[in-house]
């Protein structure tokens, strides 16, 4: 089995767009091909992620449409859907296809439109989002994902003493990182006071604890070992883990463990031959500030119960010993569901190339991405390293 490498990346600005899904994806995919120096005739397959298109735009058979619009019509094209982890699932299959010799060059990415420009207001979009929750036991209660993660976070506060101020510090940190990311939805500073003074969404989350609805696209070019050395700055995929947990939340042995993430991390660390201590920075799925706390603990960066204090102490800031979300994370960068996973791959690739300017992690050689789906029922962990 050969190793897979990322040799080109592209990403739109996350925010509000009036493009179609196919147009928005092309705005990320074509720059990724240009970044790699790959011609369209060199691409063997397209692995593409989108979650909401069938519900928001009545557009379901997207893979061949997107391939056609991107100038790749005729190649094998497959759409993936796995809630918020959609494009990481596509990335996983692209990596495995390359590693197993099925393809040599795969374009992989995702796209989503989630803002009201689609003609769907926030309450309706929230209802559509919660279709990723359990249909029998969760949806009928009216619970939404802010509620799901609030329940877990309140339990964390009860068990470990995590505070709202510590959660607010995570929002402040991610906004501080996001202001250096020209593609972030919210590129501005905030303060602990502003977070705590923002409207309460669901206890303990204020509006500024929650990631925004965003539109956007992201893409990466994945190639086999045989081709990687012919490109400038290839970044190797050295570990990739996929885990699932019991659904609904009430069936999980310990919701605070986010067990799918722990299982995915164990598999990724084992495949890469490293431990959490070897990771220089991470992009984690901070759909809510409490989710970042759970992620840093699940990934083994801190002990259980230490996620909040670590953030408040500055350990997860850009100049801390374990930088988390240098891109701004979902909180500031934005969260176009189907594009989020490969957007994390874009950040890892650019960081390991040393191409991220004022948000660059010093001496970064190993990066990790953590991507959740639904009520933590799905999780992917990707480890990437600069090529020796």
Protein backbone atom coordinates (compact mmCIF):
# COMPACT_ATOMS: atom_id res chain seq x y z
CA UNK A 1 0.00 0.00 0.00
CA UNK A 2 1.32 3.44 -0.96
CA UNK A 3 0.97 6.64 1.04
CA UNK A 4 -1.37 9.45 -0.04
CA UNK A 5 -0.34 13.10 -0.18
CA UNK A 6 -2.15 16.40 -0.65
CA UNK A 7 -0.52 18.48 -3.38
CA UNK A 8 -3.04 21.24 -3.95
CA UNK A 9 -5.79 23.00 -2.00
CA UNK A 10 -8.44 25.61 -2.63
CA UNK A 11 -11.17 27.26 -0.60
CA UNK A 12 -13.69 30.04 -1.00
CA UNK A 13 -14.26 32.69 1.58
CA UNK A 14 -16.83 31.38 4.04
CA UNK A 15 -19.84 33.64 4.51
CA UNK A 16 -22.76 34.53 2.26
CA UNK A 17 -22.75 33.65 -1.45
CA UNK A 18 -25.40 33.81 -4.14
CA UNK A 19 -23.71 31.25 -6.41
CA UNK A 20 -25.20 27.84 -7.13
CA UNK A 21 -23.71 24.84 -5.35
CA UNK A 22 -21.84 23.79 -8.49
CA UNK A 23 -20.46 27.29 -9.04
CA UNK A 24 -19.39 27.61 -5.42
CA UNK A 25 -17.60 24.27 -5.47
CA UNK A 26 -15.81 25.19 -8.71
CA UNK A 27 -14.58 28.35 -6.98
CA UNK A 28 -12.64 26.09 -4.60
CA UNK A 29 -11.87 23.15 -6.89
CA UNK A 30 -10.29 25.02 -9.79
CA UNK A 31 -7.83 26.89 -7.51
CA UNK A 32 -6.95 23.55 -5.90
CA UNK A 33 -6.09 22.10 -9.33
CA UNK A 34 -4.11 25.24 -10.17
CA UNK A 35 -2.29 25.07 -6.81
CA UNK A 36 -1.28 21.49 -7.59
CA UNK A 37 -0.46 22.22 -11.20
CA UNK A 38 -2.78 19.38 -12.24
CA UNK A 39 -4.68 19.50 -15.51
CA UNK A 40 -8.29 18.43 -15.58
CA UNK A 41 -7.37 15.53 -17.84
CA UNK A 42 -5.06 14.19 -15.10
CA UNK A 43 -7.83 13.78 -12.52
CA UNK A 44 -8.99 10.16 -12.16
CA UNK A 45 -12.02 10.71 -9.90
CA UNK A 46 -14.06 13.26 -7.95
CA UNK A 47 -15.12 12.53 -4.37
CA UNK A 48 -17.54 15.23 -3.33
CA UNK A 49 -19.44 16.08 -0.15
CA UNK A 50 -22.76 17.86 0.26
CA UNK A 51 -25.37 17.46 2.98
CA UNK A 52 -28.25 19.85 2.49
CA UNK A 53 -28.62 20.37 -1.25
CA UNK A 54 -31.57 18.03 -1.57
CA UNK A 55 -33.52 19.87 1.13
CA UNK A 56 -32.44 23.47 0.54
CA UNK A 57 -32.18 23.59 -3.25
CA UNK A 58 -34.01 20.46 -4.43
CA UNK A 59 -30.70 19.34 -5.91
CA UNK A 60 -29.73 15.75 -5.08
CA UNK A 61 -27.83 14.18 -7.97
CA UNK A 62 -24.95 16.56 -7.48
CA UNK A 63 -21.76 14.62 -8.18
CA UNK A 64 -22.05 14.47 -12.00
CA UNK A 65 -23.43 18.03 -12.09
CA UNK A 66 -20.49 19.34 -10.09
CA UNK A 67 -18.05 17.32 -12.20
CA UNK A 68 -19.55 18.75 -15.36
CA UNK A 69 -19.42 22.33 -14.11
CA UNK A 70 -15.80 21.88 -13.01
CA UNK A 71 -14.78 20.54 -16.41
CA UNK A 72 -14.42 16.97 -15.16
CA UNK A 73 -17.47 15.44 -16.79
CA UNK A 74 -17.01 11.78 -17.63
CA UNK A 75 -14.79 10.73 -14.73
CA UNK A 76 -16.11 8.67 -11.82
CA UNK A 77 -17.84 11.12 -9.44
CA UNK A 78 -19.34 10.19 -6.08
CA UNK A 79 -21.28 12.27 -3.55
CA UNK A 80 -20.90 11.62 0.19
CA UNK A 81 -23.14 12.65 3.10
CA UNK A 82 -22.27 12.23 6.76
CA UNK A 83 -23.75 15.33 8.44
CA UNK A 84 -21.04 17.80 9.50
CA UNK A 85 -18.34 15.20 8.75
CA UNK A 86 -19.40 14.88 5.12
CA UNK A 87 -16.31 16.01 3.23
CA UNK A 88 -13.91 14.28 5.62
CA UNK A 89 -15.71 11.06 4.74
CA UNK A 90 -15.13 11.92 1.08
CA UNK A 91 -11.48 12.67 1.91
CA UNK A 92 -11.12 9.34 3.70
CA UNK A 93 -12.34 7.48 0.61
CA UNK A 94 -10.08 9.51 -1.67
CA UNK A 95 -7.06 8.70 0.51
CA UNK A 96 -7.95 5.01 0.62
CA UNK A 97 -8.49 4.88 -3.14
CA UNK A 98 -5.06 6.37 -3.75
CA UNK A 99 -3.34 4.24 -1.10
CA UNK A 100 -4.81 1.06 -2.57
CA UNK A 101 -3.91 1.87 -6.16
CA UNK A 102 -7.46 2.43 -7.41
CA UNK A 103 -6.63 5.99 -8.54
CA UNK A 104 -3.50 8.12 -8.79
CA UNK A 105 -5.07 11.61 -8.69
CA UNK A 106 -8.35 12.40 -6.92
CA UNK A 107 -10.06 15.76 -6.49
CA UNK A 108 -11.94 15.78 -3.20
CA UNK A 109 -13.95 18.45 -1.43
CA UNK A 110 -17.34 19.72 -0.43
CA UNK A 111 -19.77 22.59 -0.66
CA UNK A 112 -22.77 23.91 1.24
CA UNK A 113 -25.12 26.86 1.28
CA UNK A 114 -26.64 27.49 4.70
CA UNK A 115 -27.36 31.23 4.89
CA UNK A 116 -30.76 32.87 4.36
CA UNK A 117 -29.77 33.87 0.83
CA UNK A 118 -31.17 30.45 -0.12
CA UNK A 119 -34.63 31.75 0.78
CA UNK A 120 -34.83 29.59 3.89
CA UNK A 121 -34.96 31.40 7.22
CA UNK A 122 -33.01 30.47 10.34
CA UNK A 123 -35.77 28.43 12.08
CA UNK A 124 -36.32 26.34 8.95
CA UNK A 125 -32.58 25.88 8.41
CA UNK A 126 -32.29 24.78 12.04
CA UNK A 127 -35.02 22.18 11.40
CA UNK A 128 -33.10 20.95 8.36
CA UNK A 129 -29.86 20.77 10.35
CA UNK A 130 -31.51 18.65 13.02
CA UNK A 131 -32.43 16.03 10.43
CA UNK A 132 -28.99 14.64 11.38
CA UNK A 133 -30.33 13.88 14.87
CA UNK A 134 -32.18 10.70 15.79
CA UNK A 135 -35.57 10.66 14.05
CA UNK A 136 -37.37 8.54 16.65
CA UNK A 137 -36.09 9.84 19.98
CA UNK A 138 -34.48 13.27 19.48
CA UNK A 139 -36.27 15.14 16.71
CA UNK A 140 -39.80 14.70 18.17
CA UNK A 141 -38.68 16.37 21.43
CA UNK A 142 -37.78 19.55 19.54
CA UNK A 143 -34.13 19.43 20.59
CA UNK A 144 -31.66 21.02 18.21
CA UNK A 145 -27.88 20.75 18.07
CA UNK A 146 -27.31 23.78 20.30
CA UNK A 147 -29.46 21.89 22.81
CA UNK A 148 -27.58 18.62 22.35
CA UNK A 149 -24.17 20.20 22.89
CA UNK A 150 -25.53 22.37 25.71
CA UNK A 151 -26.65 19.23 27.56
CA UNK A 152 -23.18 17.74 27.22
CA UNK A 153 -21.48 20.99 28.21
CA UNK A 154 -23.69 21.50 31.27
CA UNK A 155 -22.84 17.97 32.35
CA UNK A 156 -19.15 18.80 31.87
CA UNK A 157 -19.58 21.90 34.02
CA UNK A 158 -21.28 19.83 36.72
CA UNK A 159 -18.65 17.10 36.67
CA UNK A 160 -15.48 19.17 36.30
CA UNK A 161 -16.31 22.75 37.23
CA UNK A 162 -15.94 24.19 33.72
CA UNK A 163 -17.21 27.80 33.65
CA UNK A 164 -18.97 30.07 31.17
CA UNK A 165 -15.95 32.36 31.34
CA UNK A 166 -13.70 29.52 30.17
CA UNK A 167 -16.07 28.84 27.28
CA UNK A 168 -15.99 32.53 26.39
CA UNK A 169 -12.19 32.43 26.32
CA UNK A 170 -12.43 29.83 23.54
CA UNK A 171 -14.62 32.13 21.45
CA UNK A 172 -12.22 35.04 22.04
CA UNK A 173 -9.23 32.90 21.04
CA UNK A 174 -10.81 31.59 17.86
CA UNK A 175 -11.90 35.07 16.79
CA UNK A 176 -8.36 36.31 17.45
CA UNK A 177 -7.09 33.60 15.10
CA UNK A 178 -9.85 34.18 12.56
CA UNK A 179 -9.01 37.87 12.11
CA UNK A 180 -5.79 36.70 10.39
CA UNK A 181 -7.71 34.41 8.02
CA UNK A 182 -8.96 36.34 4.96
CA UNK A 183 -11.40 33.51 4.16
CA UNK A 184 -13.06 33.49 7.59
CA UNK A 185 -16.72 34.39 7.98
CA UNK A 186 -15.94 36.56 11.02
CA UNK A 187 -12.50 38.15 10.89
CA UNK A 188 -12.70 40.34 13.97
CA UNK A 189 -11.74 40.35 17.63
CA UNK A 190 -14.19 39.94 20.48
CA UNK A 191 -13.95 39.88 24.27
CA UNK A 192 -15.06 37.67 27.14
CA UNK A 193 -17.51 40.39 28.16
CA UNK A 194 -19.00 40.59 24.66
CA UNK A 195 -19.46 36.81 24.54
CA UNK A 196 -21.16 36.70 27.94
CA UNK A 197 -23.33 39.72 27.07
CA UNK A 198 -24.51 38.24 23.76
CA UNK A 199 -28.03 36.76 23.70
CA UNK A 200 -28.55 33.44 25.45
CA UNK A 201 -29.30 30.69 22.91
CA UNK A 202 -29.54 27.75 25.29
CA UNK A 203 -27.89 27.53 28.70
CA UNK A 204 -24.88 27.77 28.87
CA UNK A 205 -24.35 28.94 25.27
CA UNK A 206 -24.63 32.56 24.31
CA UNK A 207 -24.84 33.54 20.66
CA UNK A 208 -21.08 34.10 20.55
CA UNK A 209 -20.49 30.54 21.77
CA UNK A 210 -22.09 29.21 18.58
CA UNK A 211 -20.65 28.88 15.08
CA UNK A 212 -22.52 30.64 12.26
CA UNK A 213 -24.48 29.34 9.32
CA UNK A 214 -22.12 29.79 6.36
CA UNK A 215 -21.87 29.20 2.63
CA UNK A 216 -18.62 27.95 1.14
CA UNK A 217 -16.60 25.38 -0.72
CA UNK A 218 -13.26 23.66 -0.15
CA UNK A 219 -11.17 21.19 -2.13
CA UNK A 220 -7.91 19.25 -2.14
CA UNK A 221 -5.95 17.23 -4.69
CA UNK A 222 -4.86 13.84 -3.34
CA UNK A 223 -2.17 11.86 -5.16
CA UNK A 224 -0.24 8.64 -4.68
CA UNK A 225 3.33 8.32 -3.46
CA UNK A 226 4.44 7.59 -7.01
CA UNK A 227 3.45 11.10 -8.08
CA UNK A 228 3.92 13.17 -4.91
CA UNK A 229 7.63 13.95 -5.34
CA UNK A 230 6.95 15.57 -8.71
CA UNK A 231 4.91 18.30 -6.97
CA UNK A 232 6.04 21.30 -4.93
CA UNK A 233 5.38 21.01 -1.21
CA UNK A 234 3.42 17.76 -0.93
CA UNK A 235 1.96 17.10 2.52
CA UNK A 236 1.59 13.47 3.57
CA UNK A 237 -1.54 11.93 5.08
CA UNK A 238 -0.02 9.67 7.72
CA UNK A 239 -3.05 8.72 9.80
CA UNK A 240 -6.80 8.65 9.29
CA UNK A 241 -9.29 7.29 11.81
CA UNK A 242 -13.07 6.94 11.59
CA UNK A 243 -15.30 6.18 14.54
CA UNK A 244 -19.02 6.03 15.26
CA UNK A 245 -20.89 6.12 18.54
CA UNK A 246 -24.33 5.10 19.73
CA UNK A 247 -27.25 7.31 18.67
CA UNK A 248 -29.23 8.97 20.24
CA UNK A 249 -27.26 10.81 22.92
CA UNK A 250 -29.24 9.07 25.66
CA UNK A 251 -27.79 5.71 24.55
CA UNK A 252 -24.15 6.77 24.83
CA UNK A 253 -22.23 5.23 27.73
CA UNK A 254 -20.72 8.64 28.55
CA UNK A 255 -21.67 11.55 26.27
CA UNK A 256 -18.76 13.62 27.59
CA UNK A 257 -16.27 11.08 26.24
CA UNK A 258 -17.34 11.71 22.62
CA UNK A 259 -16.28 8.11 22.15
CA UNK A 260 -16.33 8.16 18.36
CA UNK A 261 -13.64 10.86 18.43
CA UNK A 262 -11.52 8.90 20.89
CA UNK A 263 -11.76 5.79 18.74
CA UNK A 264 -10.95 7.74 15.58
CA UNK A 265 -7.99 9.40 17.30
CA UNK A 266 -6.62 6.07 18.55
CA UNK A 267 -6.77 4.67 15.00
CA UNK A 268 -5.19 7.75 13.46
CA UNK A 269 -2.38 7.91 16.05
CA UNK A 270 -1.69 4.21 15.60
CA UNK A 271 -1.59 4.49 11.82
CA UNK A 272 0.71 7.52 11.96
CA UNK A 273 2.91 5.96 14.64
CA UNK A 274 2.66 9.00 16.92
CA UNK A 275 0.90 10.17 20.09
CA UNK A 276 -0.97 13.33 20.98
CA UNK A 277 2.28 14.79 22.32
CA UNK A 278 3.74 14.75 18.80
CA UNK A 279 1.00 16.97 17.32
CA UNK A 280 2.06 20.59 16.79
CA UNK A 281 -1.42 22.06 16.19
CA UNK A 282 -4.98 20.94 15.54
CA UNK A 283 -8.14 22.01 13.77
CA UNK A 284 -11.07 20.73 15.85
CA UNK A 285 -14.83 20.75 15.36
CA UNK A 286 -15.83 23.69 17.56
CA UNK A 287 -19.46 24.01 16.45
CA UNK A 288 -19.92 25.35 19.98
CA UNK A 289 -17.30 26.43 22.50
CA UNK A 290 -18.17 23.44 24.66
CA UNK A 291 -17.47 21.13 21.72
CA UNK A 292 -13.87 22.39 21.61
CA UNK A 293 -13.47 21.50 25.28
CA UNK A 294 -14.71 17.97 24.61
CA UNK A 295 -12.47 17.67 21.55
CA UNK A 296 -9.22 18.67 23.25
CA UNK A 297 -9.90 16.05 25.90
CA UNK A 298 -10.99 13.31 23.50
CA UNK A 299 -7.85 13.81 21.40
CA UNK A 300 -5.60 13.42 24.44
CA UNK A 301 -4.17 16.95 24.38
CA UNK A 302 -5.30 17.47 27.99
CA UNK A 303 -6.74 15.29 30.72
CA UNK A 304 -10.51 15.00 31.06
CA UNK A 305 -11.83 18.08 32.80
CA UNK A 306 -8.84 20.25 31.80
CA UNK A 307 -10.16 21.54 28.47
CA UNK A 308 -11.68 24.70 29.94
CA UNK A 309 -8.73 25.65 32.17
CA UNK A 310 -6.27 24.98 29.31
CA UNK A 311 -8.11 27.43 27.07
CA UNK A 312 -8.36 30.06 29.81
CA UNK A 313 -4.63 29.73 30.49
CA UNK A 314 -3.80 30.43 26.83
CA UNK A 315 -2.41 26.98 26.13
CA UNK A 316 -4.57 26.55 23.01
CA UNK A 317 -3.79 30.00 21.57
CA UNK A 318 -1.52 30.48 18.60
CA UNK A 319 1.46 31.13 20.86
CA UNK A 320 0.51 28.43 23.37
CA UNK A 321 2.00 24.96 23.69
CA UNK A 322 -0.96 23.33 21.86
CA UNK A 323 -2.47 25.72 19.28
CA UNK A 324 -6.08 24.81 18.50
CA UNK A 325 -7.96 26.17 15.47
CA UNK A 326 -5.40 28.57 14.02
CA UNK A 327 -7.86 29.07 11.14
CA UNK A 328 -10.43 30.51 13.55
CA UNK A 329 -12.26 27.19 13.67
CA UNK A 330 -15.92 26.77 12.90
CA UNK A 331 -16.58 29.51 15.44
CA UNK A 332 -14.92 32.31 13.43
CA UNK A 333 -14.05 30.74 10.08
CA UNK A 334 -17.62 29.47 9.63
CA UNK A 335 -19.38 26.16 9.11
CA UNK A 336 -20.72 25.34 5.64
CA UNK A 337 -21.47 21.76 6.62
CA UNK A 338 -20.39 19.86 3.51
CA UNK A 339 -17.24 21.97 3.11
CA UNK A 340 -16.01 21.98 6.71
CA UNK A 341 -14.00 18.75 6.71
CA UNK A 342 -11.85 19.50 3.68
CA UNK A 343 -11.52 23.12 4.85
CA UNK A 344 -9.67 21.64 7.82
CA UNK A 345 -7.46 19.73 5.36
CA UNK A 346 -6.79 23.02 3.56
CA UNK A 347 -5.64 24.63 6.83
CA UNK A 348 -3.42 21.67 7.75
CA UNK A 349 -1.83 21.70 4.30
CA UNK A 350 -1.15 25.43 4.30
CA UNK A 351 0.17 25.41 7.86
CA UNK A 352 2.57 22.54 7.12
CA UNK A 353 3.77 24.38 4.02
CA UNK A 354 4.32 27.51 6.11
CA UNK A 355 1.86 29.53 3.99
CA UNK A 356 -0.54 31.00 6.56
CA UNK A 357 1.03 34.36 7.34
CA UNK A 358 0.13 35.93 10.70
CA UNK A 359 -1.67 32.80 11.91
CA UNK A 360 1.28 30.52 11.15
CA UNK A 361 2.10 27.99 13.87
CA UNK A 362 5.85 28.16 14.49
CA UNK A 363 7.87 25.12 13.37
CA UNK A 364 4.75 23.09 12.55
CA UNK A 365 5.50 19.65 11.14
CA UNK A 366 2.55 17.54 12.37
CA UNK A 367 -1.09 18.68 12.21
CA UNK A 368 -4.35 17.02 13.18
CA UNK A 369 -7.95 17.61 12.08
CA UNK A 370 -10.96 16.49 14.13
CA UNK A 371 -14.39 16.53 12.46
CA UNK A 372 -17.69 15.47 14.09
CA UNK A 373 -21.00 14.54 12.50
CA UNK A 374 -24.41 14.97 14.13
CA UNK A 375 -24.66 14.46 17.89
CA UNK A 376 -21.06 13.13 17.93
CA UNK A 377 -22.33 9.93 16.33
CA UNK A 378 -19.62 10.17 13.65
CA UNK A 379 -16.05 11.35 13.98
CA UNK A 380 -12.97 11.51 11.77
CA UNK A 381 -9.41 12.30 12.79
CA UNK A 382 -6.81 13.08 10.13
CA UNK A 383 -3.09 13.41 10.75
CA UNK A 384 -0.89 15.15 8.19
CA UNK A 385 2.85 15.73 8.21
CA UNK A 386 5.29 17.73 6.14
CA UNK A 387 7.13 15.50 3.70
CA UNK A 388 10.62 14.61 4.88
